[in-house]
């Protein structure tokens, strides 16, 4: 089993949204610590709601990593090129068009100037990075305390088995 890697680029979009919510909570908590427990920007109820949302959004990807399977990274639909066939009888011409981009405005951070890049980094990238570090650490720690992991479809090598009773039940094996 491989541990969940740090970094949001290894996770699916739901994990990234959960990381953003957890990062916002993390920055609120750090601000609360810096003001010596005096100023809490959001109330405890809203912080709890953000924590629940972050946890729920990280469950799908976290459970896949915890069970030893890497989550699928393909989250966008593939656009097939349009094929047009034209010509005289007996002759065939195939024209391929490039894939069409989805409609609507798309933000391209590469096109930001230095000021907008700083805002984007502070308001989007920093919470996602902090939240990913927190969620990844929580899922890694949760995997250490998992005692039933052998029978849930993980690949178990002979070096992981100490006693005969620790072998997984063949009837419960997942393929």
N, C-alpha and C. Protein backbone atom coordinates (compact mmCIF):
# COMPACT_ATOMS: atom_id res chain seq x y z
N UNK A 1 0.83 -1.18 0.00
CA UNK A 1 0.00 0.00 0.00
C UNK A 1 0.88 1.24 0.00
N UNK A 2 0.58 2.15 -0.87
CA UNK A 2 1.33 3.39 -0.90
C UNK A 2 0.58 4.44 -0.09
N UNK A 3 1.33 5.28 0.57
CA UNK A 3 0.72 6.35 1.36
C UNK A 3 0.18 7.43 0.43
N UNK A 4 -0.79 8.17 0.91
CA UNK A 4 -1.34 9.26 0.13
C UNK A 4 -0.26 10.32 -0.05
N UNK A 5 0.05 10.69 -1.29
CA UNK A 5 1.08 11.70 -1.48
C UNK A 5 0.56 13.10 -1.14
N UNK A 6 1.45 13.95 -0.71
CA UNK A 6 1.10 15.34 -0.46
C UNK A 6 1.02 16.07 -1.79
N UNK A 7 0.17 17.05 -1.86
CA UNK A 7 0.03 17.85 -3.08
C UNK A 7 -1.32 17.64 -3.71
N UNK A 8 -2.06 18.72 -3.97
CA UNK A 8 -3.40 18.57 -4.54
C UNK A 8 -3.41 18.09 -5.99
N UNK A 9 -2.28 18.16 -6.68
CA UNK A 9 -2.29 17.73 -8.08
C UNK A 9 -2.45 16.22 -8.22
N UNK A 10 -2.29 15.47 -7.14
CA UNK A 10 -2.43 14.01 -7.17
C UNK A 10 -3.85 13.57 -6.85
N UNK A 11 -4.74 14.50 -6.54
CA UNK A 11 -6.08 14.16 -6.09
C UNK A 11 -7.14 14.62 -7.09
N UNK A 12 -8.36 14.18 -6.86
CA UNK A 12 -9.46 14.57 -7.75
C UNK A 12 -10.03 15.93 -7.34
N UNK A 13 -10.89 16.53 -8.17
CA UNK A 13 -11.43 17.86 -7.87
C UNK A 13 -12.22 17.93 -6.57
N UNK A 14 -12.94 16.88 -6.20
CA UNK A 14 -13.67 16.92 -4.93
C UNK A 14 -12.71 17.06 -3.76
N UNK A 15 -11.57 16.35 -3.82
CA UNK A 15 -10.57 16.48 -2.77
C UNK A 15 -10.05 17.92 -2.72
N UNK A 16 -9.83 18.51 -3.89
CA UNK A 16 -9.32 19.88 -3.92
C UNK A 16 -10.32 20.86 -3.31
N UNK A 17 -11.62 20.67 -3.56
CA UNK A 17 -12.61 21.54 -2.93
C UNK A 17 -12.62 21.31 -1.42
N UNK A 18 -12.51 20.07 -1.00
CA UNK A 18 -12.40 19.78 0.42
C UNK A 18 -11.13 20.39 1.02
N UNK A 19 -10.05 20.36 0.25
CA UNK A 19 -8.81 20.97 0.70
C UNK A 19 -8.97 22.48 0.85
N UNK A 20 -9.71 23.10 -0.07
CA UNK A 20 -9.95 24.53 0.04
C UNK A 20 -10.72 24.85 1.33
N UNK A 21 -11.78 24.08 1.59
CA UNK A 21 -12.57 24.32 2.81
C UNK A 21 -11.71 24.09 4.06
N UNK A 22 -10.91 23.02 4.06
CA UNK A 22 -10.05 22.75 5.21
C UNK A 22 -8.97 23.82 5.35
N UNK A 23 -8.48 24.34 4.23
CA UNK A 23 -7.48 25.40 4.27
C UNK A 23 -8.04 26.69 4.84
N UNK A 24 -9.29 27.01 4.50
CA UNK A 24 -9.93 28.20 5.07
C UNK A 24 -10.04 28.04 6.58
N UNK A 25 -10.46 26.84 7.03
CA UNK A 25 -10.54 26.58 8.47
C UNK A 25 -9.15 26.67 9.10
N UNK A 26 -8.14 26.15 8.41
CA UNK A 26 -6.78 26.21 8.93
C UNK A 26 -6.28 27.64 9.10
N UNK A 27 -6.56 28.49 8.10
CA UNK A 27 -6.13 29.88 8.22
C UNK A 27 -6.92 30.63 9.29
N UNK A 28 -8.20 30.31 9.44
CA UNK A 28 -8.98 30.93 10.52
C UNK A 28 -8.42 30.51 11.87
N UNK A 29 -8.07 29.24 11.99
CA UNK A 29 -7.48 28.75 13.25
C UNK A 29 -6.13 29.43 13.52
N UNK A 30 -5.30 29.57 12.50
CA UNK A 30 -4.02 30.26 12.69
C UNK A 30 -4.21 31.72 13.09
N UNK A 31 -5.19 32.39 12.49
CA UNK A 31 -5.48 33.77 12.87
C UNK A 31 -5.97 33.84 14.31
N UNK A 32 -6.78 32.88 14.70
CA UNK A 32 -7.29 32.82 16.07
C UNK A 32 -6.14 32.63 17.05
N UNK A 33 -5.15 31.79 16.68
CA UNK A 33 -3.97 31.61 17.53
C UNK A 33 -3.12 32.88 17.59
N UNK A 34 -2.97 33.56 16.45
CA UNK A 34 -2.14 34.77 16.42
C UNK A 34 -2.76 35.90 17.24
N UNK A 35 -4.08 35.93 17.36
CA UNK A 35 -4.71 36.96 18.17
C UNK A 35 -4.86 36.51 19.62
N UNK A 36 -4.18 35.43 19.97
CA UNK A 36 -4.20 34.87 21.34
C UNK A 36 -5.62 34.56 21.79
N UNK A 37 -6.33 33.82 20.93
CA UNK A 37 -7.67 33.30 21.22
C UNK A 37 -8.70 34.41 21.43
N UNK A 38 -8.46 35.57 20.83
CA UNK A 38 -9.36 36.71 21.04
C UNK A 38 -10.36 36.86 19.90
N UNK A 39 -9.91 36.72 18.64
CA UNK A 39 -10.76 37.00 17.50
C UNK A 39 -10.97 35.73 16.68
N UNK A 40 -12.22 35.35 16.57
CA UNK A 40 -12.59 34.21 15.73
C UNK A 40 -13.43 34.77 14.59
N UNK A 41 -12.91 34.70 13.37
CA UNK A 41 -13.55 35.35 12.22
C UNK A 41 -14.94 34.77 11.96
N UNK A 42 -15.04 33.46 11.91
CA UNK A 42 -16.34 32.80 11.75
C UNK A 42 -16.72 32.19 13.09
N UNK A 43 -17.98 31.94 13.28
CA UNK A 43 -18.41 31.28 14.51
C UNK A 43 -18.04 29.81 14.50
N UNK A 44 -18.14 29.19 15.65
CA UNK A 44 -17.79 27.78 15.77
C UNK A 44 -18.70 26.90 14.92
N UNK A 45 -19.97 27.31 14.76
CA UNK A 45 -20.89 26.52 13.96
C UNK A 45 -20.46 26.49 12.50
N UNK A 46 -20.06 27.63 11.96
CA UNK A 46 -19.63 27.68 10.56
C UNK A 46 -18.33 26.92 10.35
N UNK A 47 -17.45 27.01 11.33
CA UNK A 47 -16.20 26.27 11.23
C UNK A 47 -16.49 24.77 11.25
N UNK A 48 -17.40 24.34 12.10
CA UNK A 48 -17.76 22.93 12.15
C UNK A 48 -18.37 22.48 10.82
N UNK A 49 -19.23 23.32 10.24
CA UNK A 49 -19.84 22.98 8.95
C UNK A 49 -18.77 22.86 7.87
N UNK A 50 -17.79 23.78 7.85
CA UNK A 50 -16.70 23.69 6.87
C UNK A 50 -15.88 22.43 7.08
N UNK A 51 -15.65 22.05 8.34
CA UNK A 51 -14.90 20.81 8.62
C UNK A 51 -15.66 19.58 8.12
N UNK A 52 -16.96 19.56 8.32
CA UNK A 52 -17.77 18.43 7.84
C UNK A 52 -17.75 18.37 6.33
N UNK A 53 -17.89 19.53 5.68
CA UNK A 53 -17.86 19.57 4.21
C UNK A 53 -16.51 19.09 3.70
N UNK A 54 -15.43 19.57 4.31
CA UNK A 54 -14.09 19.15 3.88
C UNK A 54 -13.91 17.65 4.06
N UNK A 55 -14.38 17.13 5.17
CA UNK A 55 -14.26 15.69 5.40
C UNK A 55 -15.06 14.88 4.41
N UNK A 56 -16.29 15.30 4.14
CA UNK A 56 -17.12 14.57 3.20
C UNK A 56 -16.56 14.61 1.78
N UNK A 57 -16.01 15.74 1.38
CA UNK A 57 -15.45 15.84 0.04
C UNK A 57 -14.17 15.04 -0.12
N UNK A 58 -13.49 14.75 0.97
CA UNK A 58 -12.24 13.98 0.86
C UNK A 58 -12.44 12.49 1.02
N UNK A 59 -13.65 12.05 1.34
CA UNK A 59 -13.88 10.64 1.64
C UNK A 59 -13.62 9.74 0.44
N UNK A 60 -14.14 10.09 -0.73
CA UNK A 60 -14.02 9.21 -1.90
C UNK A 60 -12.55 8.96 -2.25
N UNK A 61 -11.80 10.03 -2.39
CA UNK A 61 -10.40 9.87 -2.75
C UNK A 61 -9.59 9.27 -1.61
N UNK A 62 -9.89 9.68 -0.37
CA UNK A 62 -9.16 9.15 0.78
C UNK A 62 -9.37 7.67 0.98
N UNK A 63 -10.59 7.20 0.79
CA UNK A 63 -10.86 5.76 0.94
C UNK A 63 -10.17 4.95 -0.15
N UNK A 64 -10.13 5.50 -1.35
CA UNK A 64 -9.43 4.77 -2.43
C UNK A 64 -7.94 4.65 -2.12
N UNK A 65 -7.33 5.74 -1.63
CA UNK A 65 -5.91 5.67 -1.28
C UNK A 65 -5.70 4.73 -0.10
N UNK A 66 -6.59 4.78 0.88
CA UNK A 66 -6.44 3.95 2.07
C UNK A 66 -6.59 2.47 1.74
N UNK A 67 -7.38 2.15 0.72
CA UNK A 67 -7.54 0.74 0.35
C UNK A 67 -6.45 0.27 -0.61
N UNK A 68 -5.51 1.14 -0.93
CA UNK A 68 -4.39 0.74 -1.76
C UNK A 68 -4.58 0.99 -3.24
N UNK A 69 -5.67 1.63 -3.62
CA UNK A 69 -5.93 1.92 -5.03
C UNK A 69 -5.76 3.40 -5.26
N UNK A 70 -5.07 3.75 -6.31
CA UNK A 70 -4.91 5.16 -6.65
C UNK A 70 -6.17 5.63 -7.36
N UNK A 71 -6.74 6.76 -6.92
CA UNK A 71 -7.97 7.24 -7.57
C UNK A 71 -7.73 7.63 -9.02
N UNK A 72 -8.80 7.56 -9.79
CA UNK A 72 -8.72 7.98 -11.18
C UNK A 72 -8.54 9.48 -11.24
N UNK A 73 -7.65 9.92 -12.09
CA UNK A 73 -7.39 11.36 -12.20
C UNK A 73 -8.17 11.99 -13.34
N UNK A 74 -8.69 11.18 -14.22
CA UNK A 74 -9.43 11.72 -15.36
C UNK A 74 -10.78 12.19 -14.88
N UNK A 75 -10.95 13.49 -14.85
CA UNK A 75 -12.20 14.05 -14.34
C UNK A 75 -12.95 14.83 -15.41
N UNK A 76 -12.30 15.09 -16.52
CA UNK A 76 -12.99 15.82 -17.58
C UNK A 76 -13.39 14.85 -18.68
N UNK A 77 -14.42 15.20 -19.33
CA UNK A 77 -14.92 14.39 -20.41
C UNK A 77 -14.04 14.61 -21.64
N UNK A 78 -13.71 13.54 -22.34
CA UNK A 78 -12.89 13.68 -23.54
C UNK A 78 -13.79 14.09 -24.71
N UNK A 79 -13.33 15.04 -25.47
CA UNK A 79 -14.08 15.54 -26.61
C UNK A 79 -13.51 14.87 -27.85
N UNK A 80 -14.37 14.15 -28.55
CA UNK A 80 -13.94 13.48 -29.77
C UNK A 80 -14.03 14.47 -30.93
N UNK A 81 -13.05 14.44 -31.82
CA UNK A 81 -13.11 15.36 -32.96
C UNK A 81 -14.25 14.99 -33.91
N UNK A 82 -14.75 16.00 -34.59
CA UNK A 82 -15.82 15.79 -35.55
C UNK A 82 -15.21 15.26 -36.84
N UNK A 83 -15.84 14.25 -37.41
CA UNK A 83 -15.34 13.65 -38.65
C UNK A 83 -16.36 13.93 -39.75
N UNK A 84 -15.86 14.49 -40.84
CA UNK A 84 -16.73 14.77 -41.98
C UNK A 84 -16.19 14.01 -43.19
N UNK A 85 -17.07 13.31 -43.87
CA UNK A 85 -16.68 12.54 -45.04
C UNK A 85 -17.36 13.17 -46.25
N UNK A 86 -16.53 13.56 -47.22
CA UNK A 86 -17.06 14.20 -48.43
C UNK A 86 -16.32 13.64 -49.63
N UNK A 87 -16.88 13.80 -50.81
CA UNK A 87 -16.18 13.40 -52.02
C UNK A 87 -17.10 12.78 -53.06
N UNK A 88 -16.48 12.42 -54.21
CA UNK A 88 -17.22 11.79 -55.29
C UNK A 88 -17.45 10.33 -54.96
N UNK A 89 -18.32 9.71 -55.73
CA UNK A 89 -18.56 8.29 -55.55
C UNK A 89 -17.29 7.53 -55.86
N UNK A 90 -16.91 6.63 -54.97
CA UNK A 90 -15.68 5.85 -55.16
C UNK A 90 -14.48 6.45 -54.46
N UNK A 91 -14.53 7.70 -54.08
CA UNK A 91 -13.42 8.34 -53.39
C UNK A 91 -13.91 8.84 -52.02
N UNK A 92 -13.09 8.68 -51.03
CA UNK A 92 -13.47 9.10 -49.68
C UNK A 92 -12.42 10.04 -49.12
N UNK A 93 -12.89 11.14 -48.57
CA UNK A 93 -12.01 12.11 -47.93
C UNK A 93 -12.44 12.23 -46.47
N UNK A 94 -11.51 12.15 -45.58
CA UNK A 94 -11.81 12.28 -44.15
C UNK A 94 -11.14 13.55 -43.65
N UNK A 95 -11.94 14.46 -43.13
CA UNK A 95 -11.43 15.70 -42.58
C UNK A 95 -11.62 15.68 -41.06
N UNK A 96 -10.56 15.93 -40.36
CA UNK A 96 -10.63 15.95 -38.90
C UNK A 96 -10.54 17.38 -38.41
N UNK A 97 -11.46 17.73 -37.52
CA UNK A 97 -11.43 19.06 -36.91
C UNK A 97 -10.80 18.95 -35.53
N UNK A 98 -10.16 20.00 -35.08
CA UNK A 98 -9.61 19.95 -33.72
C UNK A 98 -10.73 19.92 -32.69
N UNK A 99 -10.44 19.38 -31.52
CA UNK A 99 -11.44 19.32 -30.45
C UNK A 99 -11.84 20.73 -30.05
N UNK A 100 -13.13 20.91 -29.84
CA UNK A 100 -13.63 22.24 -29.48
C UNK A 100 -13.51 22.45 -27.98
N UNK A 101 -13.12 23.64 -27.62
CA UNK A 101 -13.01 23.99 -26.20
C UNK A 101 -14.40 24.24 -25.64
N UNK A 102 -14.61 23.96 -24.35
CA UNK A 102 -15.92 24.23 -23.76
C UNK A 102 -16.22 25.73 -23.76
N UNK A 103 -17.51 26.06 -23.88
CA UNK A 103 -17.91 27.46 -23.93
C UNK A 103 -17.83 28.07 -22.55
N UNK A 104 -17.69 29.36 -22.51
CA UNK A 104 -17.66 30.07 -21.24
C UNK A 104 -16.27 30.58 -20.93
N UNK A 105 -16.20 31.52 -20.01
CA UNK A 105 -14.89 32.07 -19.66
C UNK A 105 -14.07 31.07 -18.87
N UNK A 106 -12.81 31.01 -19.17
CA UNK A 106 -11.88 30.13 -18.45
C UNK A 106 -10.75 30.99 -17.91
N UNK A 107 -10.46 30.80 -16.65
CA UNK A 107 -9.39 31.55 -16.03
C UNK A 107 -8.09 30.82 -16.29
N UNK A 108 -7.14 31.52 -16.84
CA UNK A 108 -5.83 30.95 -17.09
C UNK A 108 -4.83 31.71 -16.22
N UNK A 109 -4.39 31.08 -15.13
CA UNK A 109 -3.48 31.80 -14.22
C UNK A 109 -2.18 32.23 -14.88
N UNK A 110 -1.80 31.56 -15.98
CA UNK A 110 -0.55 31.94 -16.65
C UNK A 110 -0.64 33.35 -17.22
N UNK A 111 -1.86 33.81 -17.49
CA UNK A 111 -2.04 35.12 -18.09
C UNK A 111 -2.18 36.23 -17.06
N UNK A 112 -2.14 35.89 -15.79
CA UNK A 112 -2.25 36.91 -14.74
C UNK A 112 -1.00 37.77 -14.71
N UNK A 113 -1.19 39.00 -14.30
CA UNK A 113 -0.05 39.86 -14.02
C UNK A 113 0.45 39.56 -12.61
N UNK A 114 1.52 40.23 -12.17
CA UNK A 114 2.08 39.92 -10.85
C UNK A 114 1.13 40.20 -9.69
N UNK A 115 0.34 41.25 -9.77
CA UNK A 115 -0.58 41.58 -8.68
C UNK A 115 -1.70 40.55 -8.60
N UNK A 116 -2.30 40.23 -9.76
CA UNK A 116 -3.38 39.24 -9.76
C UNK A 116 -2.86 37.87 -9.38
N UNK A 117 -1.64 37.54 -9.78
CA UNK A 117 -1.06 36.26 -9.40
C UNK A 117 -0.88 36.18 -7.89
N UNK A 118 -0.50 37.29 -7.25
CA UNK A 118 -0.35 37.30 -5.80
C UNK A 118 -1.71 37.09 -5.12
N UNK A 119 -2.76 37.76 -5.63
CA UNK A 119 -4.10 37.55 -5.07
C UNK A 119 -4.57 36.12 -5.26
N UNK A 120 -4.36 35.58 -6.45
CA UNK A 120 -4.75 34.20 -6.75
C UNK A 120 -4.02 33.22 -5.82
N UNK A 121 -2.74 33.46 -5.61
CA UNK A 121 -1.96 32.58 -4.74
C UNK A 121 -2.44 32.67 -3.30
N UNK A 122 -2.71 33.88 -2.83
CA UNK A 122 -3.12 34.05 -1.43
C UNK A 122 -4.54 33.56 -1.17
N UNK A 123 -5.44 33.75 -2.14
CA UNK A 123 -6.84 33.43 -1.90
C UNK A 123 -7.26 32.05 -2.38
N UNK A 124 -6.51 31.43 -3.28
CA UNK A 124 -6.90 30.13 -3.80
C UNK A 124 -5.84 29.06 -3.53
N UNK A 125 -4.64 29.30 -4.00
CA UNK A 125 -3.61 28.25 -3.91
C UNK A 125 -3.17 27.98 -2.48
N UNK A 126 -3.04 29.01 -1.66
CA UNK A 126 -2.58 28.81 -0.28
C UNK A 126 -3.59 28.01 0.54
N UNK A 127 -4.90 28.33 0.51
CA UNK A 127 -5.83 27.49 1.26
C UNK A 127 -5.88 26.05 0.76
N UNK A 128 -5.79 25.85 -0.56
CA UNK A 128 -5.82 24.49 -1.09
C UNK A 128 -4.58 23.72 -0.63
N UNK A 129 -3.42 24.35 -0.66
CA UNK A 129 -2.18 23.67 -0.23
C UNK A 129 -2.22 23.34 1.26
N UNK A 130 -2.66 24.30 2.09
CA UNK A 130 -2.74 24.04 3.53
C UNK A 130 -3.78 22.97 3.83
N UNK A 131 -4.94 23.07 3.20
CA UNK A 131 -5.99 22.08 3.41
C UNK A 131 -5.57 20.70 2.95
N UNK A 132 -4.85 20.62 1.83
CA UNK A 132 -4.37 19.31 1.36
C UNK A 132 -3.39 18.72 2.36
N UNK A 133 -2.50 19.54 2.90
CA UNK A 133 -1.55 19.02 3.89
C UNK A 133 -2.28 18.51 5.12
N UNK A 134 -3.30 19.22 5.57
CA UNK A 134 -4.05 18.79 6.75
C UNK A 134 -4.82 17.51 6.46
N UNK A 135 -5.57 17.47 5.35
CA UNK A 135 -6.36 16.29 5.02
C UNK A 135 -5.49 15.07 4.76
N UNK A 136 -4.38 15.26 4.06
CA UNK A 136 -3.48 14.14 3.79
C UNK A 136 -2.91 13.59 5.09
N UNK A 137 -2.53 14.46 6.01
CA UNK A 137 -2.01 14.01 7.29
C UNK A 137 -3.09 13.26 8.07
N UNK A 138 -4.32 13.76 8.06
CA UNK A 138 -5.40 13.08 8.76
C UNK A 138 -5.65 11.70 8.17
N UNK A 139 -5.68 11.59 6.85
CA UNK A 139 -5.92 10.29 6.21
C UNK A 139 -4.74 9.34 6.44
N UNK A 140 -3.52 9.87 6.45
CA UNK A 140 -2.37 9.01 6.73
C UNK A 140 -2.41 8.50 8.17
N UNK A 141 -2.74 9.37 9.11
CA UNK A 141 -2.84 8.94 10.50
C UNK A 141 -3.99 7.96 10.68
N UNK A 142 -5.10 8.19 10.00
CA UNK A 142 -6.22 7.27 10.07
C UNK A 142 -5.87 5.90 9.52
N UNK A 143 -5.01 5.84 8.53
CA UNK A 143 -4.58 4.55 7.97
C UNK A 143 -3.69 3.78 8.92
N UNK A 144 -2.97 4.46 9.80
CA UNK A 144 -2.12 3.76 10.76
C UNK A 144 -2.92 3.06 11.83
N UNK A 145 -4.09 3.60 12.16
CA UNK A 145 -4.91 3.01 13.21
C UNK A 145 -5.91 2.00 12.66
N UNK A 146 -5.85 1.74 11.37
CA UNK A 146 -6.77 0.79 10.74
C UNK A 146 -6.28 -0.62 11.01
N UNK A 147 -7.02 -1.36 11.81
CA UNK A 147 -6.61 -2.73 12.15
C UNK A 147 -7.29 -3.76 11.29
N UNK A 148 -8.34 -3.40 10.58
CA UNK A 148 -9.07 -4.36 9.77
C UNK A 148 -8.65 -4.30 8.31
N UNK A 149 -7.57 -3.67 7.99
CA UNK A 149 -7.19 -3.41 6.62
C UNK A 149 -6.85 -4.63 5.80
N UNK A 150 -6.50 -5.74 6.43
CA UNK A 150 -6.07 -6.90 5.67
C UNK A 150 -7.21 -7.48 4.86
N UNK A 151 -8.40 -7.53 5.39
CA UNK A 151 -9.51 -8.19 4.71
C UNK A 151 -10.30 -7.29 3.78
N UNK A 152 -9.88 -6.06 3.54
CA UNK A 152 -10.69 -5.15 2.73
C UNK A 152 -10.14 -4.96 1.33
N UNK A 153 -9.47 -5.95 0.79
CA UNK A 153 -9.04 -5.85 -0.59
C UNK A 153 -7.62 -5.35 -0.74
N UNK A 154 -6.90 -5.16 0.32
CA UNK A 154 -5.51 -4.74 0.18
C UNK A 154 -4.67 -5.93 -0.23
N UNK A 155 -3.62 -5.64 -0.94
CA UNK A 155 -2.67 -6.69 -1.28
C UNK A 155 -1.81 -6.97 -0.07
N UNK A 156 -1.83 -8.21 0.39
CA UNK A 156 -1.12 -8.59 1.59
C UNK A 156 0.00 -9.53 1.20
N UNK A 157 1.21 -9.14 1.52
CA UNK A 157 2.35 -10.00 1.27
C UNK A 157 2.62 -10.89 2.46
N UNK A 158 3.43 -11.92 2.25
CA UNK A 158 3.72 -12.85 3.35
C UNK A 158 4.49 -12.17 4.47
N UNK A 159 5.19 -11.08 4.19
CA UNK A 159 5.92 -10.38 5.24
C UNK A 159 4.99 -9.59 6.15
N UNK A 160 3.73 -9.37 5.71
CA UNK A 160 2.76 -8.64 6.52
C UNK A 160 1.99 -9.55 7.49
N UNK A 161 2.11 -10.84 7.35
CA UNK A 161 1.34 -11.79 8.15
C UNK A 161 2.24 -12.38 9.24
N UNK A 162 1.80 -12.24 10.48
CA UNK A 162 2.56 -12.81 11.60
C UNK A 162 2.00 -14.16 12.03
N UNK A 163 0.69 -14.31 11.99
CA UNK A 163 0.05 -15.53 12.44
C UNK A 163 -0.91 -16.02 11.38
N UNK A 164 -1.21 -17.31 11.43
CA UNK A 164 -2.11 -17.91 10.46
C UNK A 164 -3.51 -17.30 10.55
N UNK A 165 -3.92 -16.88 11.73
CA UNK A 165 -5.25 -16.28 11.89
C UNK A 165 -5.34 -14.90 11.24
N UNK A 166 -4.20 -14.30 10.91
CA UNK A 166 -4.21 -12.99 10.28
C UNK A 166 -4.44 -13.05 8.78
N UNK A 167 -4.47 -14.24 8.20
CA UNK A 167 -4.71 -14.37 6.77
C UNK A 167 -6.13 -13.92 6.44
N UNK A 168 -6.32 -13.23 5.32
CA UNK A 168 -7.68 -12.81 4.95
C UNK A 168 -8.53 -14.01 4.56
N UNK A 169 -9.81 -13.90 4.78
CA UNK A 169 -10.75 -14.94 4.42
C UNK A 169 -10.87 -14.97 2.90
N UNK A 170 -10.62 -16.11 2.25
CA UNK A 170 -10.69 -16.15 0.79
C UNK A 170 -12.08 -15.84 0.24
N UNK A 171 -13.12 -16.12 1.02
CA UNK A 171 -14.47 -15.83 0.56
C UNK A 171 -14.78 -14.35 0.53
N UNK A 172 -14.04 -13.53 1.26
CA UNK A 172 -14.29 -12.08 1.32
C UNK A 172 -13.36 -11.30 0.43
N UNK A 173 -12.53 -11.96 -0.32
CA UNK A 173 -11.57 -11.28 -1.19
C UNK A 173 -12.27 -10.51 -2.27
N UNK A 174 -11.79 -9.31 -2.56
CA UNK A 174 -12.35 -8.49 -3.63
C UNK A 174 -11.40 -8.51 -4.81
N UNK A 175 -11.96 -8.63 -5.97
CA UNK A 175 -11.14 -8.65 -7.18
C UNK A 175 -11.41 -7.44 -8.01
